[in-house]
C-alpha cells in the first residue's frame, strides 16, 4: 500500500493505492466516498477487492468531509469539484502501464459523482458499480432553496455546514439528463429501506442506462451492514472482475 497525492480541485488530493500480490496489470478500481465521509468508510471494500485481485485507489475528495486528508473544506465542495477530483484521478492513472482497465465504484454522493464522470468519459471507464447513488441530492437542493427563498451563503445538510457553491452547482444541471451518456455495464445496489435516497431514484437510473442491473437489498438502509454488506462486496467484486 502506498500514498499517492494528486492535484485536485481545491489543492492536494490524498489517496491510498493498493496492488494485489502476483497480479500482472490488474484492473484499477477507484472508490469514491459519500457526502461528509472519507476513504475509511469503505476501507473494507478496498481490502476485499484487493484480495480478489483488483488494484484499488481509495481516496478522500477535496473538502469531502471533516475528516478528509485532502485539501479544501466542505464550504468549498460541490458535486462539480468532486467530479473534477475524480477526473484528475482518471487522468493520473490513464495510461499507467501497471494497470489494465479503469473502473469506478461510488457510494451515495460518490455514486452520483462517479455516474456523472463515467458519462463524460465512457471510453475511460470499463465498468461502473454504484451503491445507493444520491440522485436525489438535486431535488433536495431545490427544496431547500425554495424553503429559504433562495440559496443562503451557508446551510447545514446532514449535520455538515456547506457553502453556497454546493447548491448552486447541484442545481446547474439534471443528473438524469447526463448519466445515459455512459453505455457500459452498470451495477446498482440499493436498500429497500433507504431513509436518505429513495429506491425510486435508482429504479429511474436503471431505466436510463443502456446496460444496468439493479439489485435491491431487503431491509437495508443507506449503508449496508452485516451479511448484506459482505454480499454486496462479493457481488461487486465479481462484477468488476468480469470486466477486467
Foldseek 3Di string as FASTA:
>chain_A
DDWDWFQALAGIWIKDKDFAPPDAAAEEEEEAEAAQDALVLVVVLQVLLSPVGYIYIRTGQAQRHPPHPGHHHQQPDALVRSLRRVVRVLVVCVVPNRHDAYAYEYEACRLLSRLQNCLVCVVRHLEYEYELHNLCVLVVLVVVQVVVVGQDQWDADPNDIYGSVHNVVSPPDRSLVRNQSHAHEYEYEYECAAPRRHPVSVVSSQVSHNHYDYHYDYPAYRRDDDPVVVVSSVVVSVVVVVRD
